[in-house]
Protein backbone atom coordinates (compact mmCIF):
# COMPACT_ATOMS: atom_id res chain seq x y z
CA MET A 1 -25.36 66.73 61.89
CA SER A 2 -22.97 67.05 58.80
CA ALA A 3 -22.80 70.43 57.15
CA ALA A 4 -22.49 68.40 53.78
CA PRO A 5 -25.91 67.91 52.00
CA VAL A 6 -24.18 65.98 49.13
CA ALA A 7 -22.10 62.63 49.99
CA ILE A 8 -19.97 61.64 46.88
CA ILE A 9 -19.07 57.84 47.40
CA MET A 10 -17.07 55.55 45.27
CA GLY A 11 -15.87 52.10 45.22
CA SER A 12 -12.32 52.98 45.00
CA ARG A 13 -9.73 55.75 45.25
CA SER A 14 -9.07 54.92 41.21
CA ASP A 15 -12.87 56.58 40.88
CA TRP A 16 -11.67 59.80 42.40
CA PRO A 17 -10.20 61.23 38.84
CA THR A 18 -13.68 60.76 37.38
CA MET A 19 -15.95 61.49 40.81
CA LYS A 20 -13.64 64.81 41.42
CA HIS A 21 -15.83 66.14 38.42
CA ALA A 22 -19.03 65.95 40.69
CA ALA A 23 -17.05 67.60 43.27
CA ASP A 24 -16.06 70.49 41.08
CA SER A 25 -19.46 71.24 39.95
CA LEU A 26 -20.68 71.49 43.82
CA ASP A 27 -18.01 73.63 44.42
CA ALA A 28 -18.65 75.81 41.44
CA LEU A 29 -22.20 76.26 43.11
CA GLY A 30 -21.17 76.49 46.55
CA VAL A 31 -22.67 73.17 47.95
CA ALA A 32 -21.00 71.32 50.52
CA TYR A 33 -20.21 67.83 49.90
CA GLU A 34 -18.24 64.69 51.71
CA ALA A 35 -16.52 62.29 49.51
CA LYS A 36 -15.37 58.82 50.50
CA VAL A 37 -14.57 55.42 49.57
CA VAL A 38 -17.20 52.96 50.19
CA SER A 39 -16.67 49.58 48.35
CA ALA A 40 -19.95 47.37 48.00
CA HIS A 41 -17.50 44.53 47.65
CA ARG A 42 -14.35 45.12 49.63
CA THR A 43 -15.97 47.07 52.75
CA PRO A 44 -19.57 45.69 52.79
CA ASP A 45 -19.99 46.77 56.59
CA ARG A 46 -18.90 50.54 55.70
CA LEU A 47 -21.38 50.59 53.07
CA TYR A 48 -24.18 49.58 55.24
CA ALA A 49 -23.27 52.05 57.63
CA PHE A 50 -22.91 54.85 55.36
CA ALA A 51 -26.15 53.82 53.62
CA LYS A 52 -28.07 53.37 57.08
CA GLY A 53 -26.72 56.61 58.68
CA ALA A 54 -26.66 59.00 55.73
CA ARG A 55 -29.96 60.95 56.70
CA ALA A 56 -28.83 61.25 60.17
CA ALA A 57 -25.56 62.57 59.04
CA GLY A 58 -27.27 65.21 57.22
CA HIS A 59 -26.71 64.11 53.68
CA LYS A 60 -29.87 64.75 51.37
CA VAL A 61 -28.51 63.66 47.98
CA ILE A 62 -25.78 60.86 47.44
CA ILE A 63 -23.69 60.48 44.43
CA ALA A 64 -22.03 57.02 43.91
CA GLY A 65 -19.75 56.49 41.58
CA ALA A 66 -18.56 52.53 40.62
CA GLY A 67 -17.04 50.87 37.77
CA GLY A 68 -16.92 46.97 36.36
CA ALA A 69 -19.81 45.13 38.36
CA ALA A 70 -20.87 48.78 39.99
CA HIS A 71 -23.00 47.04 42.46
CA LEU A 72 -22.39 50.60 44.82
CA PRO A 73 -25.28 52.89 43.83
CA GLY A 74 -27.89 50.02 43.98
CA MET A 75 -26.85 48.62 47.03
CA THR A 76 -26.97 52.20 48.52
CA ALA A 77 -30.20 52.89 47.39
CA SER A 78 -31.54 49.52 48.83
CA MET A 79 -30.37 50.80 52.22
CA THR A 80 -31.67 54.28 52.25
CA ASP A 81 -34.83 56.50 51.06
CA LEU A 82 -32.35 59.67 50.19
CA PRO A 83 -31.81 59.99 46.28
CA VAL A 84 -29.17 58.19 44.80
CA LEU A 85 -27.33 59.69 41.48
CA GLY A 86 -25.28 56.56 40.02
CA VAL A 87 -22.10 57.60 37.79
CA PRO A 88 -21.09 54.66 35.89
CA VAL A 89 -17.24 54.94 36.12
CA GLU A 90 -15.13 53.89 32.73
CA SER A 91 -13.79 50.27 33.02
CA LYS A 92 -11.04 48.73 31.02
CA LEU A 93 -13.00 45.78 30.03
CA GLN A 94 -15.78 47.66 28.15
CA ASN A 95 -15.31 51.36 28.35
CA GLY A 96 -17.85 51.53 30.74
CA LEU A 97 -20.89 49.91 29.35
CA ASP A 98 -20.66 47.24 31.90
CA SER A 99 -20.89 49.72 34.70
CA LEU A 100 -23.74 51.78 33.00
CA LEU A 101 -25.85 48.52 32.59
CA SER A 102 -25.40 47.56 36.10
CA ILE A 103 -26.13 50.80 37.37
CA VAL A 104 -29.64 51.42 35.28
CA GLN A 105 -30.95 47.77 35.50
CA MET A 106 -32.22 48.53 38.90
CA PRO A 107 -35.57 46.65 39.76
CA GLY A 108 -38.63 48.39 39.91
CA GLY A 109 -39.15 49.78 43.54
CA ILE A 110 -35.38 50.65 44.06
CA PRO A 111 -34.74 53.90 41.96
CA VAL A 112 -31.22 55.00 41.38
CA ALA A 113 -30.83 58.11 38.51
CA THR A 114 -28.28 56.82 36.20
CA LEU A 115 -25.98 59.21 34.64
CA ALA A 116 -23.91 59.17 31.56
CA VAL A 117 -20.50 57.10 31.82
CA GLY A 118 -17.35 58.79 33.13
CA VAL A 119 -16.65 62.71 33.20
CA ALA A 120 -19.59 63.83 31.87
CA GLY A 121 -21.70 61.81 34.15
CA ALA A 122 -19.99 62.93 37.36
CA LYS A 123 -20.21 66.25 36.12
CA ASN A 124 -23.78 66.02 35.43
CA ALA A 125 -24.42 64.47 38.91
CA GLY A 126 -23.16 67.22 40.78
CA LEU A 127 -25.21 69.42 38.71
CA LEU A 128 -28.15 67.40 39.15
CA ALA A 129 -27.65 67.21 43.09
CA ALA A 130 -27.60 70.77 43.18
CA GLN A 131 -31.04 70.95 41.30
CA ILE A 132 -32.64 68.59 43.60
CA LEU A 133 -31.35 70.75 46.59
CA GLY A 134 -32.15 74.06 44.82
CA LEU A 135 -35.72 72.88 45.01
CA SER A 136 -35.62 73.90 48.80
CA ASP A 137 -33.09 76.44 48.46
CA PRO A 138 -33.78 79.88 46.32
CA ALA A 139 -30.35 81.34 46.72
CA LEU A 140 -28.67 77.82 45.26
CA ALA A 141 -31.53 78.03 42.62
CA GLN A 142 -30.24 81.24 41.71
CA ARG A 143 -26.83 80.01 41.46
CA LEU A 144 -28.01 77.48 39.43
CA ALA A 145 -30.01 79.72 37.04
CA ASP A 146 -26.56 81.99 36.78
CA TYR A 147 -24.33 79.13 35.92
CA ARG A 148 -26.89 78.15 32.98
CA ALA A 149 -26.70 81.87 31.77
CA ARG A 150 -23.02 81.75 31.77
CA GLN A 151 -22.78 78.47 29.84
CA THR A 152 -25.21 79.73 27.37
CA ASP A 153 -23.48 83.12 26.81
CA ALA A 154 -20.42 81.29 26.46
CA VAL A 155 -21.60 79.68 23.10
CA ALA A 156 -20.54 81.60 20.28
CA GLU A 157 -22.86 82.22 17.34
CA THR A 158 -20.46 81.99 14.58
CA VAL A 159 -17.59 79.59 13.47
CA GLU A 160 -15.06 82.37 13.23
CA ASP A 161 -12.66 83.10 15.83
C-alpha cells in the first residue's frame, strides 16, 4: 500500500509548474501525495495501469491536470471509482478555455470535479482533496479549519497600511 492518499497526475512535465500548487496545498496540510506524469495520449498503457491500480496502491483521491484536449481527468475517471479532481492547465492556444471545456463536459455517469484554470485550480484541487480526506480524518479536518482561520485572519479590514 502507498503511504500517499492523493495522487497528482499530469499529462506532461510541462504541467508541473501549475500542478506543483496542488502539491504545495497538500504539503501545507501534511497530506502525503505521489506526483507522476501519465499522458492520456502518449502513454495510454501507463494511464490504464495507474487508473486500474490506484485504489490498490492506497490512493483515495486523484488530482489530474491536463491542457489542450485535456483527456487525462476524464479517461482516469472512466477507469476508477475514486474521486477525480480535474485541473485545466492553461494552454497557449485559448488560455486554458479549451482545457476547461474538455474536462468539464463529462457525460452523465462519469463525474470529474472540475476546478478553475491554472494555478488557482491546482491550489484548490489540493485543498479539496484534503477536505475529502478530512471527512474521515479528524486531525486533518482540524488542520483545514486552522488553515481557514489563518486565511481569514490575514485579511485586513482597512485599506491603510
